[in-house]
Protein backbone atom coordinates (compact mmCIF):
# COMPACT_ATOMS: atom_id res chain seq x y z
CA MET A 1 0.00 0.00 0.00
CA ARG A 2 1.22 3.49 -0.85
CA ASP A 3 2.66 5.38 2.12
CA PRO A 4 2.05 9.14 1.70
CA LEU A 5 4.10 11.81 3.43
CA LEU A 6 2.35 13.01 6.56
CA THR A 7 3.01 15.89 8.96
CA LEU A 8 1.30 15.41 12.32
CA VAL A 9 0.79 18.62 14.31
CA VAL A 10 0.77 18.21 18.10
CA PRO A 11 -0.45 21.29 20.02
CA CYS A 12 1.13 21.60 23.47
CA TYR A 13 0.30 23.79 26.43
CA ASN A 14 1.96 22.93 29.75
CA GLU A 15 2.55 19.30 28.75
CA GLU A 16 5.84 18.89 30.63
CA THR A 17 4.62 16.02 32.83
CA ARG A 18 2.26 14.35 30.35
CA LEU A 19 4.27 14.21 27.15
CA ASP A 20 5.29 10.62 26.32
CA ALA A 21 8.54 11.36 24.47
CA THR A 22 9.39 7.69 24.02
CA SER A 23 6.15 6.89 22.19
CA PHE A 24 6.53 9.86 19.87
CA LEU A 25 10.15 9.02 19.04
CA GLU A 26 9.42 5.35 18.44
CA TRP A 27 6.52 6.20 16.14
CA VAL A 28 8.34 8.73 13.97
CA GLY A 29 11.49 6.59 13.92
CA ALA A 30 9.65 3.56 12.55
CA ARG A 31 7.95 5.48 9.73
CA PRO A 32 10.23 7.33 7.27
CA SER A 33 7.24 9.08 5.67
CA ARG A 34 6.12 10.72 8.93
CA HIS A 35 7.04 14.07 10.44
CA LEU A 36 6.10 15.44 13.88
CA LEU A 37 5.54 19.15 14.41
CA PHE A 38 5.04 20.17 18.03
CA VAL A 39 3.48 23.60 18.61
CA ASP A 40 4.32 25.13 21.99
CA ASP A 41 1.35 27.41 22.71
CA ALA A 42 3.32 29.76 25.01
CA SER A 43 3.56 27.20 27.81
CA THR A 44 4.39 28.51 31.28
CA ASP A 45 6.08 25.33 32.54
CA ASN A 46 9.11 23.43 31.21
CA THR A 47 7.38 22.22 28.01
CA ALA A 48 9.75 24.22 25.78
CA ALA A 49 12.80 22.39 27.14
CA VAL A 50 11.09 18.99 26.79
CA LEU A 51 10.21 19.71 23.17
CA GLU A 52 13.71 20.96 22.41
CA ARG A 53 15.17 17.68 23.66
CA LEU A 54 12.72 15.83 21.42
CA ARG A 55 13.73 17.94 18.43
CA GLN A 56 17.41 17.19 19.01
CA GLN A 57 16.79 13.44 19.12
CA HIS A 58 15.27 13.04 15.67
CA PRO A 59 15.61 14.94 12.35
CA ARG A 60 11.93 14.56 11.53
CA VAL A 61 10.79 16.25 14.72
CA SER A 62 10.22 20.02 14.56
CA VAL A 63 9.07 22.58 17.12
CA LEU A 64 7.13 25.79 16.54
CA ARG A 65 6.95 28.18 19.50
CA LEU A 66 4.20 30.77 19.74
CA ASP A 67 4.93 34.03 21.57
CA ARG A 68 1.48 34.16 23.16
CA ASN A 69 -1.23 31.68 24.02
CA HIS A 70 -3.69 31.10 21.17
CA GLY A 71 -5.70 28.20 22.55
CA LYS A 72 -5.89 24.84 20.82
CA ALA A 73 -7.53 26.30 17.69
CA GLY A 74 -4.79 28.85 17.10
CA ALA A 75 -2.00 26.40 17.92
CA VAL A 76 -3.31 23.78 15.50
CA ARG A 77 -3.89 26.37 12.79
CA ALA A 78 -0.37 27.78 13.19
CA GLY A 79 1.12 24.31 13.00
CA VAL A 80 -0.84 23.21 9.95
CA LEU A 81 0.01 26.39 8.06
CA HIS A 82 3.66 26.02 9.09
CA ALA A 83 3.87 22.39 8.00
CA ASP A 84 5.83 21.41 4.93
CA ALA A 85 4.32 20.22 1.67
CA SER A 86 3.34 16.78 2.93
CA GLU A 87 0.52 15.10 1.08
CA LEU A 88 -1.40 14.67 4.34
CA VAL A 89 -1.47 16.87 7.43
CA GLY A 90 -3.31 16.36 10.68
CA PHE A 91 -3.39 17.05 14.40
CA TRP A 92 -3.20 14.80 17.45
CA ASP A 93 -3.66 15.39 21.16
CA ALA A 94 -0.34 15.64 23.01
CA ASP A 95 -1.48 13.38 25.87
CA LEU A 96 -1.91 10.48 23.39
CA SER A 97 -5.42 9.76 24.60
CA ALA A 98 -5.62 8.11 21.19
CA PRO A 99 -2.42 6.09 20.66
CA LEU A 100 -0.30 6.84 17.62
CA SER A 101 -1.14 3.43 16.16
CA GLU A 102 -4.52 4.93 15.26
CA VAL A 103 -2.81 7.43 12.92
CA ASP A 104 -2.00 4.64 10.47
CA ARG A 105 -5.65 3.55 10.38
CA LEU A 106 -6.72 7.08 9.43
CA VAL A 107 -4.00 7.23 6.77
CA ASP A 108 -5.32 3.98 5.30
CA VAL A 109 -8.81 5.49 5.04
CA LEU A 110 -7.52 8.41 2.97
CA VAL A 111 -5.27 6.22 0.83
CA ASN A 112 -8.10 3.83 0.01
CA ASN A 113 -10.66 6.60 -0.61
CA PRO A 114 -9.07 9.23 -2.89
CA ASP A 115 -12.18 11.45 -2.89
CA LEU A 116 -12.11 11.95 0.87
CA LEU A 117 -10.56 15.14 2.22
CA CYS A 118 -10.73 14.30 5.93
CA ALA A 119 -10.50 11.22 8.14
CA ALA A 120 -11.56 11.79 11.74
CA GLY A 121 -11.36 9.47 14.72
CA ILE A 122 -14.47 9.10 16.87
CA ARG A 123 -14.94 7.58 20.31
CA VAL A 124 -17.61 4.87 20.38
CA MET A 125 -17.89 2.56 23.39
CA ARG A 126 -18.38 -0.95 21.99
CA LEU A 127 -17.29 -4.56 22.36
CA GLY A 128 -13.80 -5.17 21.05
CA ALA A 129 -12.63 -1.59 21.62
CA ARG A 130 -10.91 0.04 24.59
CA ILE A 131 -12.65 3.39 25.00
CA GLU A 132 -12.07 4.57 28.57
CA ARG A 133 -14.00 7.67 29.45
CA SER A 134 -15.78 8.72 32.62
CA PHE A 135 -19.57 8.53 32.61
CA VAL A 136 -19.83 12.27 33.23
CA ARG A 137 -17.51 13.14 30.31
CA HIS A 138 -19.41 10.75 28.04
CA VAL A 139 -22.82 12.21 28.91
CA LEU A 140 -21.62 15.81 28.62
CA GLY A 141 -19.97 15.02 25.30
CA ARG A 142 -23.09 13.41 23.84
CA LEU A 143 -25.24 16.30 25.10
CA PHE A 144 -22.91 18.86 23.53
CA VAL A 145 -22.79 17.10 20.16
CA THR A 146 -26.59 16.72 20.11
CA VAL A 147 -27.11 20.43 20.75
CA ALA A 148 -24.44 21.46 18.24
CA SER A 149 -25.79 19.12 15.57
CA SER A 150 -29.32 20.40 15.98
CA LEU A 151 -28.28 24.05 15.89
CA LEU A 152 -25.86 23.75 12.98
CA LYS A 153 -27.48 20.89 11.03
CA LEU A 154 -24.18 19.07 11.33
CA TYR A 155 -24.77 15.41 11.99
CA ALA A 156 -21.32 14.25 13.04
CA TYR A 157 -21.10 11.69 15.82
CA ASP A 158 -18.04 13.07 17.62
CA THR A 159 -16.74 16.48 16.58
CA GLN A 160 -14.28 17.04 19.46
CA CYS A 161 -11.98 14.03 19.23
CA GLY A 162 -8.42 15.34 18.75
CA ALA A 163 -7.45 12.86 16.03
CA LYS A 164 -7.96 14.17 12.50
CA LEU A 165 -6.10 14.00 9.18
CA PHE A 166 -6.62 16.08 6.03
CA ARG A 167 -5.41 16.17 2.46
CA ARG A 168 -3.09 19.03 1.62
CA ASP A 169 -5.59 20.25 -1.01
CA ALA A 170 -8.10 21.12 1.71
CA VAL A 171 -5.75 23.05 4.02
CA GLY A 172 -6.34 26.47 2.45
CA THR A 173 -10.11 26.22 2.83
CA LEU A 174 -10.04 24.70 6.30
CA PHE A 175 -7.25 26.65 7.99
CA GLY A 176 -6.80 29.82 5.94
CA ASP A 177 -8.94 32.02 8.20
CA GLU A 178 -8.79 32.33 11.97
CA PHE A 179 -11.37 30.37 13.94
CA VAL A 180 -14.24 31.90 15.89
CA SER A 181 -13.70 29.64 18.91
CA ARG A 182 -10.48 28.71 20.74
CA TRP A 183 -11.81 25.21 21.53
CA LEU A 184 -14.77 24.39 19.24
CA PHE A 185 -12.78 24.82 16.05
CA ASP A 186 -13.37 21.16 15.07
CA ILE A 187 -16.97 22.13 14.37
CA GLU A 188 -15.80 25.03 12.25
CA LEU A 189 -13.57 22.68 10.26
CA TYR A 190 -16.59 20.57 9.35
CA LEU A 191 -18.64 23.63 8.45
CA ARG A 192 -15.82 24.90 6.22
CA LEU A 193 -15.49 21.47 4.68
CA ARG A 194 -19.20 21.52 3.89
CA THR A 195 -18.71 24.64 1.74
CA LEU A 196 -16.71 22.51 -0.70
CA ALA A 197 -19.86 20.53 -1.51
CA PRO A 198 -22.79 22.89 -0.82
CA ASP A 199 -25.30 21.01 -2.99
CA ALA A 200 -24.48 17.36 -2.34
CA GLY A 201 -23.51 17.77 1.30
CA PHE A 202 -20.14 16.64 2.55
CA ASP A 203 -20.69 12.98 3.38
CA GLY A 204 -18.37 12.10 0.52
CA LEU A 205 -15.59 14.36 1.81
CA VAL A 206 -15.17 13.17 5.40
CA CYS A 207 -15.12 9.76 7.07
CA GLU A 208 -15.58 9.20 10.80
CA LEU A 209 -13.54 6.16 11.86
CA MET A 210 -14.30 4.43 15.15
CA LEU A 211 -11.10 4.30 17.17
CA ASN A 212 -10.01 0.97 18.60
CA GLU A 213 -8.44 2.63 21.62
CA TRP A 214 -8.92 5.92 23.46
CA LYS A 215 -8.31 6.79 27.10
CA ALA A 216 -8.88 10.02 28.98
CA VAL A 217 -5.49 11.00 30.41
CA GLY A 218 -5.59 13.04 33.60
CA PRO A 219 -7.85 16.03 34.19
CA SER A 220 -9.16 17.99 31.25
CA SER A 221 -7.14 21.05 30.21
CA LEU A 222 -10.38 22.95 29.75
CA ARG A 223 -11.24 25.42 32.46
CA LEU A 224 -14.66 26.27 33.91
CA ARG A 225 -14.84 29.45 31.86
CA ASP A 226 -14.33 27.38 28.70
CA PHE A 227 -17.44 25.32 29.49
CA VAL A 228 -19.40 28.46 30.30
CA ARG A 229 -18.30 30.02 27.02
CA ALA A 230 -19.18 27.00 24.88
CA PRO A 231 -22.86 27.97 24.31
CA VAL A 232 -21.78 31.51 23.42
CA ASP A 233 -19.24 30.19 20.94
CA LEU A 234 -21.83 27.90 19.39
CA VAL A 235 -24.11 30.87 18.75
CA ARG A 236 -21.21 32.85 17.27
CA ILE A 237 -20.31 29.93 15.02
CA HIS A 238 -23.93 29.61 13.93
CA ARG A 239 -24.09 33.29 13.00
CA ARG A 240 -20.87 33.14 11.01
CA TYR A 241 -21.53 29.97 9.02
CA ARG A 242 -25.29 29.89 8.58
């Protein structure tokens, strides 16, 4: 099977104690067509030093440092726009809640379906899969997606999973403009993707792939004010993209 060049963007904010350097190095070292781009979103701990050590240990590891905090949306956008001319580009959560082995499954989806522009991991609790998520997080997540889908007419199962890959051709449309929300930008990505097929919908442009493994790692990096702001951001997104 063809093995396309891929740049994986990993946004980082205060990840000093959670970053699994060994797993990242083993993954990129075993795959000559892969490149890791860590984006330090103006961390206030020792993340910069950890990332610099990673960069020095492998030639296909790069680090982009932002001079101020942009939130996950801004960090991912900066990384994707900074990435080289790889055929595929994507982003992955730094805590490896989804293991890097899942990246290859998403790559296979895009390789085997040349018309797709996006492959996105989704978390579905089922037999044969290891999806470890607290009951509260699961219920809140399903409630959020249900409200967002109804408001935006966007019937994705899991918009917020931090495991997504895109074709280079779609990057300009998806990441060219700044996002409305610092945290709900995944929804904006789907809405921007939908503009590429306004008449037929975008079912043929994106595939949601059920992950075989996902585990919540430590406390969420989202703060209370982020949860409070979510409904406001949804309304702002609705106004911009309706």
